[in-house]
């Protein structure tokens, strides 16, 4: 795609700031860098479209391969930093920074594509090429802007990890999205609220009782996040759930007249509810039990 298909392409970097939000800065670039950023965008789109699977929603509890075809809603409450990056691109300051002195502080870099039709998309990348890996597309300051030169100062990658759009995120490399988005931190911080809300969808489980227990275990938080995304959660059958728990040796109690697992069985209970704990009964005298790393449903 030619550069004349854009009003402008801007470039910026997110710097680590201790435990505080990442500091964003734009950096001036010339057309040689814009061409490389456009090539990265085209590579992203080509790989994303080439994956034959249907687009799936990113789930924190899933195990993904390095390259996937995923999406996630760009919601301020869940991803405030990424939401602000997209919504407030015009407010990001322009500061030409000594990259050589600040390489260790760079958390990610991004490119803002202002399309001629008035839309905007933001490609974001974890800097896998910044620290010593050989690559042909290197940038340094030249005449007050960044440009492509044969140097080892600042290296661009071949594609982006994900793209921010007006209402959604297209994700090609899940590990980069997980690292940059902080979705695991936000999910952990909101664990009790999310767990409590599930009580409105399944009225025979005491999620209010489980909420503080869930917040103490990262594995439980990931499972709750996955359970929350199930569109069929309201159709969970109480007796079938009880039978499945009994088959897996999960102790069930009653609190306030509602079902809860024994504290020690919280994780396997959530695994059953999330369709991850399952069994096979093919042997003469033994039932085999397994834990799925993914709950992708077969067509």
C-alpha atoms as a PDB file:
ATOM      1  CA  UNK A   1       0.000   0.000   0.000  1.00  0.00           C
ATOM      2  CA  UNK A   2       1.446   3.386  -0.999  1.00  0.00           C
ATOM      3  CA  UNK A   3       1.944   6.187   1.486  1.00  0.00           C
ATOM      4  CA  UNK A   4      -0.564   8.327  -0.397  1.00  0.00           C
ATOM      5  CA  UNK A   5      -3.278   6.064   1.009  1.00  0.00           C
ATOM      6  CA  UNK A   6      -2.672   7.759   4.375  1.00  0.00           C
ATOM      7  CA  UNK A   7      -3.057  11.313   5.525  1.00  0.00           C
ATOM      8  CA  UNK A   8      -0.076  10.675   7.784  1.00  0.00           C
ATOM      9  CA  UNK A   9       1.684   7.856   9.674  1.00  0.00           C
ATOM     10  CA  UNK A  10       2.962   8.774  13.134  1.00  0.00           C
ATOM     11  CA  UNK A  11       5.404   6.845  15.300  1.00  0.00           C
ATOM     12  CA  UNK A  12       5.745   6.639  19.072  1.00  0.00           C
ATOM     13  CA  UNK A  13       7.215   4.740  21.991  1.00  0.00           C
ATOM     14  CA  UNK A  14       5.890   3.692  25.378  1.00  0.00           C
ATOM     15  CA  UNK A  15       8.426   4.016  28.180  1.00  0.00           C
ATOM     16  CA  UNK A  16       8.304   2.047  31.406  1.00  0.00           C
ATOM     17  CA  UNK A  17       7.720   4.231  34.442  1.00  0.00           C
ATOM     18  CA  UNK A  18       8.173   1.974  37.455  1.00  0.00           C
ATOM     19  CA  UNK A  19       4.767   0.946  38.783  1.00  0.00           C
ATOM     20  CA  UNK A  20       3.133   3.936  37.118  1.00  0.00           C
ATOM     21  CA  UNK A  21       1.372   3.950  33.717  1.00  0.00           C
ATOM     22  CA  UNK A  22       3.629   3.818  30.676  1.00  0.00           C
ATOM     23  CA  UNK A  23       4.746   7.224  29.384  1.00  0.00           C
ATOM     24  CA  UNK A  24       3.898   7.778  25.705  1.00  0.00           C
ATOM     25  CA  UNK A  25       5.982   9.893  23.343  1.00  0.00           C
ATOM     26  CA  UNK A  26       5.799  10.497  19.617  1.00  0.00           C
ATOM     27  CA  UNK A  27       9.026  10.705  17.654  1.00  0.00           C
ATOM     28  CA  UNK A  28       9.437  12.488  14.324  1.00  0.00           C
ATOM     29  CA  UNK A  29      10.157  10.190  11.351  1.00  0.00           C
ATOM     30  CA  UNK A  30      10.744  10.533   7.646  1.00  0.00           C
ATOM     31  CA  UNK A  31       9.129   8.710   4.721  1.00  0.00           C
ATOM     32  CA  UNK A  32      11.687   5.873   4.715  1.00  0.00           C
ATOM     33  CA  UNK A  33      10.462   4.883   8.189  1.00  0.00           C
ATOM     34  CA  UNK A  34       6.822   5.373   7.184  1.00  0.00           C
ATOM     35  CA  UNK A  35       7.350   2.936   4.314  1.00  0.00           C
ATOM     36  CA  UNK A  36       8.695   0.327   6.730  1.00  0.00           C
ATOM     37  CA  UNK A  37       5.772   0.864   9.111  1.00  0.00           C
ATOM     38  CA  UNK A  38       3.382   0.455   6.187  1.00  0.00           C
ATOM     39  CA  UNK A  39       5.171  -2.774   5.258  1.00  0.00           C
ATOM     40  CA  UNK A  40       4.769  -4.008   8.843  1.00  0.00           C
ATOM     41  CA  UNK A  41       1.057  -3.263   8.618  1.00  0.00           C
ATOM     42  CA  UNK A  42       0.741  -5.139   5.331  1.00  0.00           C
ATOM     43  CA  UNK A  43       2.613  -8.133   6.780  1.00  0.00           C
ATOM     44  CA  UNK A  44       0.278  -8.147   9.770  1.00  0.00           C
ATOM     45  CA  UNK A  45      -2.826  -8.079   7.577  1.00  0.00           C
ATOM     46  CA  UNK A  46      -1.501 -10.777   5.242  1.00  0.00           C
ATOM     47  CA  UNK A  47      -0.751 -13.167   8.114  1.00  0.00           C
ATOM     48  CA  UNK A  48      -4.018 -12.405   9.899  1.00  0.00           C
ATOM     49  CA  UNK A  49      -6.123 -13.044   6.801  1.00  0.00           C
ATOM     50  CA  UNK A  50      -4.126 -16.152   5.828  1.00  0.00           C
ATOM     51  CA  UNK A  51      -5.105 -18.020   9.004  1.00  0.00           C
ATOM     52  CA  UNK A  52      -8.046 -20.204   7.926  1.00  0.00           C
ATOM     53  CA  UNK A  53      -9.708 -20.355  11.347  1.00  0.00           C
ATOM     54  CA  UNK A  54     -12.575 -18.056  12.250  1.00  0.00           C
ATOM     55  CA  UNK A  55     -11.690 -15.080  14.435  1.00  0.00           C
ATOM     56  CA  UNK A  56     -11.944 -16.003  18.124  1.00  0.00           C
ATOM     57  CA  UNK A  57     -12.158 -13.772  21.189  1.00  0.00           C
ATOM     58  CA  UNK A  58      -8.926 -13.682  23.223  1.00  0.00           C
ATOM     59  CA  UNK A  59      -9.263 -15.471  26.553  1.00  0.00           C
ATOM     60  CA  UNK A  60      -6.795 -15.061  29.388  1.00  0.00           C
ATOM     61  CA  UNK A  61      -7.007 -18.729  30.387  1.00  0.00           C
ATOM     62  CA  UNK A  62      -6.227 -20.112  26.916  1.00  0.00           C
ATOM     63  CA  UNK A  63      -2.834 -21.367  25.767  1.00  0.00           C
ATOM     64  CA  UNK A  64      -2.074 -19.863  22.373  1.00  0.00           C
ATOM     65  CA  UNK A  65       0.500 -20.479  19.684  1.00  0.00           C
ATOM     66  CA  UNK A  66       2.827 -17.594  18.727  1.00  0.00           C
ATOM     67  CA  UNK A  67       0.548 -16.577  15.844  1.00  0.00           C
ATOM     68  CA  UNK A  68      -3.246 -16.615  16.110  1.00  0.00           C
ATOM     69  CA  UNK A  69      -6.314 -14.917  14.660  1.00  0.00           C
ATOM     70  CA  UNK A  70      -7.937 -13.251  17.670  1.00  0.00           C
ATOM     71  CA  UNK A  71      -9.965 -10.226  18.628  1.00  0.00           C
ATOM     72  CA  UNK A  72     -10.925  -8.426  21.820  1.00  0.00           C
ATOM     73  CA  UNK A  73     -13.225  -5.461  22.500  1.00  0.00           C
ATOM     74  CA  UNK A  74     -11.466  -2.158  23.098  1.00  0.00           C
ATOM     75  CA  UNK A  75     -13.254  -1.296  26.349  1.00  0.00           C
ATOM     76  CA  UNK A  76     -11.960   1.410  28.669  1.00  0.00           C
ATOM     77  CA  UNK A  77     -12.937  -0.412  31.881  1.00  0.00           C
ATOM     78  CA  UNK A  78     -10.905  -3.497  30.937  1.00  0.00           C
ATOM     79  CA  UNK A  79      -8.014  -1.999  28.967  1.00  0.00           C
ATOM     80  CA  UNK A  80      -7.673   1.632  30.063  1.00  0.00           C
ATOM     81  CA  UNK A  81      -4.116   2.157  28.759  1.00  0.00           C
ATOM     82  CA  UNK A  82      -4.830   0.810  25.278  1.00  0.00           C
ATOM     83  CA  UNK A  83      -8.170   2.627  25.167  1.00  0.00           C
ATOM     84  CA  UNK A  84      -6.442   5.912  26.001  1.00  0.00           C
ATOM     85  CA  UNK A  85      -3.671   5.236  23.473  1.00  0.00           C
ATOM     86  CA  UNK A  86      -6.268   4.951  20.714  1.00  0.00           C
ATOM     87  CA  UNK A  87      -8.660   7.651  21.902  1.00  0.00           C
ATOM     88  CA  UNK A  88      -6.045  10.301  22.708  1.00  0.00           C
ATOM     89  CA  UNK A  89      -3.466   9.935  19.960  1.00  0.00           C
ATOM     90  CA  UNK A  90      -3.623  13.671  19.316  1.00  0.00           C
ATOM     91  CA  UNK A  91      -2.621  14.448  22.897  1.00  0.00           C
ATOM     92  CA  UNK A  92       0.578  12.336  22.885  1.00  0.00           C
ATOM     93  CA  UNK A  93       3.543  14.747  23.086  1.00  0.00           C
ATOM     94  CA  UNK A  94       6.221  14.918  20.435  1.00  0.00           C
ATOM     95  CA  UNK A  95       9.659  14.476  22.017  1.00  0.00           C
ATOM     96  CA  UNK A  96      12.775  13.432  20.115  1.00  0.00           C
ATOM     97  CA  UNK A  97      14.458  11.143  22.637  1.00  0.00           C
ATOM     98  CA  UNK A  98      17.931   9.641  22.850  1.00  0.00           C
ATOM     99  CA  UNK A  99      16.879   6.068  22.094  1.00  0.00           C
ATOM    100  CA  UNK A 100      20.343   4.629  22.697  1.00  0.00           C
ATOM    101  CA  UNK A 101      20.267   5.797  26.313  1.00  0.00           C
ATOM    102  CA  UNK A 102      16.682   4.648  26.914  1.00  0.00           C
ATOM    103  CA  UNK A 103      16.500   1.246  25.178  1.00  0.00           C
ATOM    104  CA  UNK A 104      16.091  -0.628  28.464  1.00  0.00           C
ATOM    105  CA  UNK A 105      13.047   1.502  29.363  1.00  0.00           C
ATOM    106  CA  UNK A 106      11.108   0.945  26.140  1.00  0.00           C
ATOM    107  CA  UNK A 107       8.021  -1.174  26.793  1.00  0.00           C
ATOM    108  CA  UNK A 108       6.535  -1.032  23.288  1.00  0.00           C
ATOM    109  CA  UNK A 109       6.390   1.061  20.139  1.00  0.00           C
ATOM    110  CA  UNK A 110       3.380   2.025  18.056  1.00  0.00           C
ATOM    111  CA  UNK A 111       2.419   3.511  14.707  1.00  0.00           C
ATOM    112  CA  UNK A 112      -0.707   5.607  14.159  1.00  0.00           C
ATOM    113  CA  UNK A 113      -2.148   5.208  10.666  1.00  0.00           C
ATOM    114  CA  UNK A 114      -4.455   8.080   9.682  1.00  0.00           C
ATOM    115  CA  UNK A 115      -6.322   6.764   6.654  1.00  0.00           C
ATOM    116  CA  UNK A 116      -7.584   8.996   3.866  1.00  0.00           C
ATOM    117  CA  UNK A 117     -11.172   7.916   4.606  1.00  0.00           C
ATOM    118  CA  UNK A 118     -10.906   9.547   8.032  1.00  0.00           C
ATOM    119  CA  UNK A 119     -10.505   6.327  10.047  1.00  0.00           C
ATOM    120  CA  UNK A 120      -7.572   5.590  12.315  1.00  0.00           C
ATOM    121  CA  UNK A 121      -5.766   2.411  13.370  1.00  0.00           C
ATOM    122  CA  UNK A 122      -2.833   1.927  15.726  1.00  0.00           C
ATOM    123  CA  UNK A 123      -0.318  -0.883  15.332  1.00  0.00           C
ATOM    124  CA  UNK A 124       1.452  -1.883  18.552  1.00  0.00           C
ATOM    125  CA  UNK A 125       4.563  -4.023  18.988  1.00  0.00           C
ATOM    126  CA  UNK A 126       6.612  -5.411  21.848  1.00  0.00           C
ATOM    127  CA  UNK A 127      10.208  -4.487  20.940  1.00  0.00           C
ATOM    128  CA  UNK A 128      11.643  -7.905  20.202  1.00  0.00           C
ATOM    129  CA  UNK A 129      14.329  -6.438  17.917  1.00  0.00           C
ATOM    130  CA  UNK A 130      15.647  -3.658  20.144  1.00  0.00           C
ATOM    131  CA  UNK A 131      18.413  -5.488  21.971  1.00  0.00           C
ATOM    132  CA  UNK A 132      21.094  -6.874  19.744  1.00  0.00           C
ATOM    133  CA  UNK A 133      19.207  -8.958  17.146  1.00  0.00           C
ATOM    134  CA  UNK A 134      20.258  -8.388  13.550  1.00  0.00           C
ATOM    135  CA  UNK A 135      17.684  -6.795  11.268  1.00  0.00           C
ATOM    136  CA  UNK A 136      17.878  -4.742   8.109  1.00  0.00           C
ATOM    137  CA  UNK A 137      15.409  -2.005   9.108  1.00  0.00           C
ATOM    138  CA  UNK A 138      17.301   0.180  11.546  1.00  0.00           C
ATOM    139  CA  UNK A 139      16.439   3.700  12.611  1.00  0.00           C
ATOM    140  CA  UNK A 140      18.459   6.564  14.053  1.00  0.00           C
ATOM    141  CA  UNK A 141      18.159  10.322  14.275  1.00  0.00           C
ATOM    142  CA  UNK A 142      19.181  12.182  11.151  1.00  0.00           C
ATOM    143  CA  UNK A 143      18.359  15.829  10.506  1.00  0.00           C
ATOM    144  CA  UNK A 144      16.035  15.959  13.556  1.00  0.00           C
ATOM    145  CA  UNK A 145      14.011  12.919  12.524  1.00  0.00           C
ATOM    146  CA  UNK A 146      14.277   9.150  12.482  1.00  0.00           C
ATOM    147  CA  UNK A 147      15.342   7.520   9.256  1.00  0.00           C
ATOM    148  CA  UNK A 148      16.477   4.125   7.949  1.00  0.00           C
ATOM    149  CA  UNK A 149      20.269   3.756   8.037  1.00  0.00           C
ATOM    150  CA  UNK A 150      22.805   0.883   8.278  1.00  0.00           C
ATOM    151  CA  UNK A 151      23.246   1.102  12.042  1.00  0.00           C
ATOM    152  CA  UNK A 152      22.454  -0.998  15.115  1.00  0.00           C
ATOM    153  CA  UNK A 153      20.709   1.641  17.183  1.00  0.00           C
ATOM    154  CA  UNK A 154      17.006   1.017  16.741  1.00  0.00           C
ATOM    155  CA  UNK A 155      15.521  -1.941  14.882  1.00  0.00           C
ATOM    156  CA  UNK A 156      11.979  -2.395  13.625  1.00  0.00           C
ATOM    157  CA  UNK A 157      10.256  -5.767  13.428  1.00  0.00           C
ATOM    158  CA  UNK A 158       8.539  -7.404  10.456  1.00  0.00           C
ATOM    159  CA  UNK A 159       4.968  -6.960  11.733  1.00  0.00           C
ATOM    160  CA  UNK A 160       2.871  -5.666  14.633  1.00  0.00           C
ATOM    161  CA  UNK A 161       1.553  -7.730  17.554  1.00  0.00           C
ATOM    162  CA  UNK A 162      -1.928  -6.218  17.385  1.00  0.00           C
ATOM    163  CA  UNK A 163      -3.949  -3.344  15.949  1.00  0.00           C
ATOM    164  CA  UNK A 164      -6.258  -1.009  17.819  1.00  0.00           C
ATOM    165  CA  UNK A 165      -9.399  -0.057  15.916  1.00  0.00           C
ATOM    166  CA  UNK A 166     -12.344   2.106  16.924  1.00  0.00           C
ATOM    167  CA  UNK A 167     -14.145  -0.583  18.930  1.00  0.00           C
ATOM    168  CA  UNK A 168     -11.977  -3.670  18.765  1.00  0.00           C
ATOM    169  CA  UNK A 169      -8.460  -5.081  18.753  1.00  0.00           C
ATOM    170  CA  UNK A 170      -7.104  -7.426  16.073  1.00  0.00           C
ATOM    171  CA  UNK A 171      -4.512  -9.704  17.694  1.00  0.00           C
ATOM    172  CA  UNK A 172      -1.889 -11.650  15.727  1.00  0.00           C
ATOM    173  CA  UNK A 173       0.682 -12.369  18.469  1.00  0.00           C
ATOM    174  CA  UNK A 174      -1.091 -13.118  21.786  1.00  0.00           C
ATOM    175  CA  UNK A 175       2.057 -12.983  23.922  1.00  0.00           C
ATOM    176  CA  UNK A 176       2.748  -9.413  22.802  1.00  0.00           C
ATOM    177  CA  UNK A 177      -0.847  -8.408  23.480  1.00  0.00           C
ATOM    178  CA  UNK A 178      -0.754  -9.980  26.951  1.00  0.00           C
ATOM    179  CA  UNK A 179       2.540  -8.257  27.798  1.00  0.00           C
ATOM    180  CA  UNK A 180       1.570  -4.795  26.564  1.00  0.00           C
ATOM    181  CA  UNK A 181      -2.139  -4.674  27.461  1.00  0.00           C
ATOM    182  CA  UNK A 182      -1.825  -5.616  31.131  1.00  0.00           C
ATOM    183  CA  UNK A 183      -5.135  -7.444  30.784  1.00  0.00           C
ATOM    184  CA  UNK A 184      -4.034  -9.969  33.412  1.00  0.00           C
ATOM    185  CA  UNK A 185      -3.391  -7.191  35.955  1.00  0.00           C
ATOM    186  CA  UNK A 186      -6.739  -5.529  35.286  1.00  0.00           C
ATOM    187  CA  UNK A 187      -8.554  -8.859  35.474  1.00  0.00           C
ATOM    188  CA  UNK A 188      -6.908  -9.633  38.809  1.00  0.00           C
ATOM    189  CA  UNK A 189      -7.804  -6.205  40.178  1.00  0.00           C
ATOM    190  CA  UNK A 190     -11.454  -6.665  39.212  1.00  0.00           C
ATOM    191  CA  UNK A 191     -11.689 -10.355  40.146  1.00  0.00           C
ATOM    192  CA  UNK A 192     -14.161 -10.000  42.993  1.00  0.00           C
ATOM    193  CA  UNK A 193     -16.457  -7.698  41.018  1.00  0.00           C
ATOM    194  CA  UNK A 194     -16.477 -10.043  38.000  1.00  0.00           C
ATOM    195  CA  UNK A 195     -17.051 -13.121  40.156  1.00  0.00           C
ATOM    196  CA  UNK A 196     -19.935 -11.486  42.011  1.00  0.00           C
ATOM    197  CA  UNK A 197     -21.561 -10.534  38.705  1.00  0.00           C
ATOM    198  CA  UNK A 198     -21.716 -14.188  37.627  1.00  0.00           C
ATOM    199  CA  UNK A 199     -24.357 -14.729  40.313  1.00  0.00           C
ATOM    200  CA  UNK A 200     -26.773 -12.868  38.063  1.00  0.00           C
ATOM    201  CA  UNK A 201     -26.246 -15.471  35.341  1.00  0.00           C
ATOM    202  CA  UNK A 202     -26.254 -18.687  37.421  1.00  0.00           C
ATOM    203  CA  UNK A 203     -28.609 -18.339  40.362  1.00  0.00           C
ATOM    204  CA  UNK A 204     -27.831 -21.639  42.127  1.00  0.00           C
ATOM    205  CA  UNK A 205     -24.105 -20.990  42.763  1.00  0.00           C
ATOM    206  CA  UNK A 206     -23.049 -18.638  45.573  1.00  0.00           C
ATOM    207  CA  UNK A 207     -20.530 -16.564  43.626  1.00  0.00           C
ATOM    208  CA  UNK A 208     -20.548 -13.891  46.359  1.00  0.00           C
ATOM    209  CA  UNK A 209     -19.042 -16.506  48.689  1.00  0.00           C
ATOM    210  CA  UNK A 210     -16.481 -17.542  46.050  1.00  0.00           C
ATOM    211  CA  UNK A 211     -15.404 -14.000  45.088  1.00  0.00           C
ATOM    212  CA  UNK A 212     -12.798 -13.391  47.847  1.00  0.00           C
ATOM    213  CA  UNK A 213     -11.416 -16.917  47.366  1.00  0.00           C
ATOM    214  CA  UNK A 214     -11.070 -16.387  43.608  1.00  0.00           C
ATOM    215  CA  UNK A 215      -9.183 -13.104  44.118  1.00  0.00           C
ATOM    216  CA  UNK A 216      -6.454 -14.963  46.021  1.00  0.00           C
ATOM    217  CA  UNK A 217      -5.522 -17.285  43.142  1.00  0.00           C
ATOM    218  CA  UNK A 218      -4.326 -16.149  39.714  1.00  0.00           C
ATOM    219  CA  UNK A 219      -5.393 -19.477  38.192  1.00  0.00           C
ATOM    220  CA  UNK A 220      -8.917 -18.980  39.567  1.00  0.00           C
ATOM    221  CA  UNK A 221      -9.047 -15.435  38.208  1.00  0.00           C
ATOM    222  CA  UNK A 222      -8.142 -16.684  34.713  1.00  0.00           C
ATOM    223  CA  UNK A 223     -10.845 -19.337  34.883  1.00  0.00           C
ATOM    224  CA  UNK A 224     -13.449 -16.806  36.026  1.00  0.00           C
ATOM    225  CA  UNK A 225     -12.469 -14.561  33.122  1.00  0.00           C
ATOM    226  CA  UNK A 226     -13.005 -17.463  30.735  1.00  0.00           C
ATOM    227  CA  UNK A 227     -16.297 -18.512  32.349  1.00  0.00           C
ATOM    228  CA  UNK A 228     -17.567 -14.940  32.088  1.00  0.00           C
ATOM    229  CA  UNK A 229     -17.165 -15.049  28.311  1.00  0.00           C
ATOM    230  CA  UNK A 230     -19.397 -18.109  27.851  1.00  0.00           C
ATOM    231  CA  UNK A 231     -22.594 -17.129  25.991  1.00  0.00           C
ATOM    232  CA  UNK A 232     -24.386 -20.260  27.249  1.00  0.00           C
ATOM    233  CA  UNK A 233     -23.656 -19.797  30.949  1.00  0.00           C
ATOM    234  CA  UNK A 234     -27.303 -19.110  31.820  1.00  0.00           C
ATOM    235  CA  UNK A 235     -28.252 -22.549  30.517  1.00  0.00           C
ATOM    236  CA  UNK A 236     -26.039 -24.448  32.979  1.00  0.00           C
ATOM    237  CA  UNK A 237     -28.023 -27.353  34.454  1.00  0.00           C
ATOM    238  CA  UNK A 238     -27.694 -27.660  38.228  1.00  0.00           C
ATOM    239  CA  UNK A 239     -28.115 -31.423  38.426  1.00  0.00           C
ATOM    240  CA  UNK A 240     -25.714 -32.082  35.558  1.00  0.00           C
ATOM    241  CA  UNK A 241     -23.118 -29.830  37.179  1.00  0.00           C
ATOM    242  CA  UNK A 242     -23.528 -31.670  40.486  1.00  0.00           C
ATOM    243  CA  UNK A 243     -23.157 -35.045  38.748  1.00  0.00           C
ATOM    244  CA  UNK A 244     -19.997 -33.943  36.950  1.00  0.00           C
ATOM    245  CA  UNK A 245     -18.478 -32.630  40.203  1.00  0.00           C
ATOM    246  CA  UNK A 246     -19.262 -35.902  41.995  1.00  0.00           C
ATOM    247  CA  UNK A 247     -17.654 -37.869  39.155  1.00  0.00           C
ATOM    248  CA  UNK A 248     -14.452 -35.867  39.617  1.00  0.00           C
ATOM    249  CA  UNK A 249     -14.438 -36.088  43.392  1.00  0.00           C
ATOM    250  CA  UNK A 250     -15.236 -32.405  43.935  1.00  0.00           C
ATOM    251  CA  UNK A 251     -16.852 -31.818  47.324  1.00  0.00           C
ATOM    252  CA  UNK A 252     -19.909 -29.551  47.229  1.00  0.00           C
ATOM    253  CA  UNK A 253     -21.422 -27.586  50.105  1.00  0.00           C
ATOM    254  CA  UNK A 254     -24.332 -25.223  50.652  1.00  0.00           C
ATOM    255  CA  UNK A 255     -23.850 -21.591  51.726  1.00  0.00           C
ATOM    256  CA  UNK A 256     -26.971 -19.487  51.990  1.00  0.00           C
ATOM    257  CA  UNK A 257     -28.911 -22.254  50.286  1.00  0.00           C
ATOM    258  CA  UNK A 258     -26.666 -22.065  47.201  1.00  0.00           C
ATOM    259  CA  UNK A 259     -24.018 -24.406  45.818  1.00  0.00           C
ATOM    260  CA  UNK A 260     -20.326 -23.841  46.560  1.00  0.00           C
ATOM    261  CA  UNK A 261     -17.334 -26.157  46.268  1.00  0.00           C
ATOM    262  CA  UNK A 262     -15.173 -26.974  49.264  1.00  0.00           C
ATOM    263  CA  UNK A 263     -12.381 -24.363  49.467  1.00  0.00           C
ATOM    264  CA  UNK A 264      -9.772 -26.956  48.470  1.00  0.00           C
ATOM    265  CA  UNK A 265     -11.811 -27.850  45.376  1.00  0.00           C
ATOM    266  CA  UNK A 266     -12.326 -24.310  44.048  1.00  0.00           C
ATOM    267  CA  UNK A 267     -10.013 -24.729  41.021  1.00  0.00           C
ATOM    268  CA  UNK A 268     -11.364 -28.099  39.818  1.00  0.00           C
ATOM    269  CA  UNK A 269     -14.921 -26.787  40.330  1.00  0.00           C
ATOM    270  CA  UNK A 270     -14.182 -23.813  38.072  1.00  0.00           C
ATOM    271  CA  UNK A 271     -12.444 -26.119  35.583  1.00  0.00           C
ATOM    272  CA  UNK A 272     -15.622 -28.201  35.337  1.00  0.00           C
ATOM    273  CA  UNK A 273     -17.736 -25.073  34.918  1.00  0.00           C
ATOM    274  CA  UNK A 274     -15.365 -23.908  32.174  1.00  0.00           C
ATOM    275  CA  UNK A 275     -15.438 -27.292  30.370  1.00  0.00           C
ATOM    276  CA  UNK A 276     -11.755 -27.967  31.044  1.00  0.00           C
ATOM    277  CA  UNK A 277     -12.000 -30.990  33.321  1.00  0.00           C
ATOM    278  CA  UNK A 278     -13.299 -34.022  31.480  1.00  0.00           C
ATOM    279  CA  UNK A 279     -13.161 -37.819  31.532  1.00  0.00           C
ATOM    280  CA  UNK A 280     -13.057 -40.828  29.236  1.00  0.00           C
ATOM    281  CA  UNK A 281     -14.635 -44.168  30.105  1.00  0.00           C
ATOM    282  CA  UNK A 282     -13.117 -46.556  27.560  1.00  0.00           C
ATOM    283  CA  UNK A 283     -11.260 -49.000  29.833  1.00  0.00           C
ATOM    284  CA  UNK A 284     -12.639 -52.049  31.622  1.00  0.00           C
ATOM    285  CA  UNK A 285     -12.001 -50.957  35.177  1.00  0.00           C
ATOM    286  CA  UNK A 286     -10.846 -47.368  35.072  1.00  0.00           C
ATOM    287  CA  UNK A 287     -12.215 -43.929  34.148  1.00  0.00           C
ATOM    288  CA  UNK A 288      -9.550 -41.564  32.831  1.00  0.00           C
ATOM    289  CA  UNK A 289      -9.646 -37.899  33.824  1.00  0.00           C
ATOM    290  CA  UNK A 290      -7.993 -35.096  31.855  1.00  0.00           C
ATOM    291  CA  UNK A 291      -7.471 -31.353  32.052  1.00  0.00           C
ATOM    292  CA  UNK A 292      -7.768 -29.460  28.768  1.00  0.00           C
ATOM    293  CA  UNK A 293      -5.362 -26.605  28.066  1.00  0.00           C
ATOM    294  CA  UNK A 294      -7.935 -25.193  25.652  1.00  0.00           C
ATOM    295  CA  UNK A 295     -11.688 -25.320  25.471  1.00  0.00           C
ATOM    296  CA  UNK A 296     -12.040 -24.715  21.756  1.00  0.00           C
ATOM    297  CA  UNK A 297     -15.212 -26.446  20.675  1.00  0.00           C
ATOM    298  CA  UNK A 298     -15.074 -28.779  17.698  1.00  0.00           C
ATOM    299  CA  UNK A 299     -17.478 -27.931  14.867  1.00  0.00           C
END
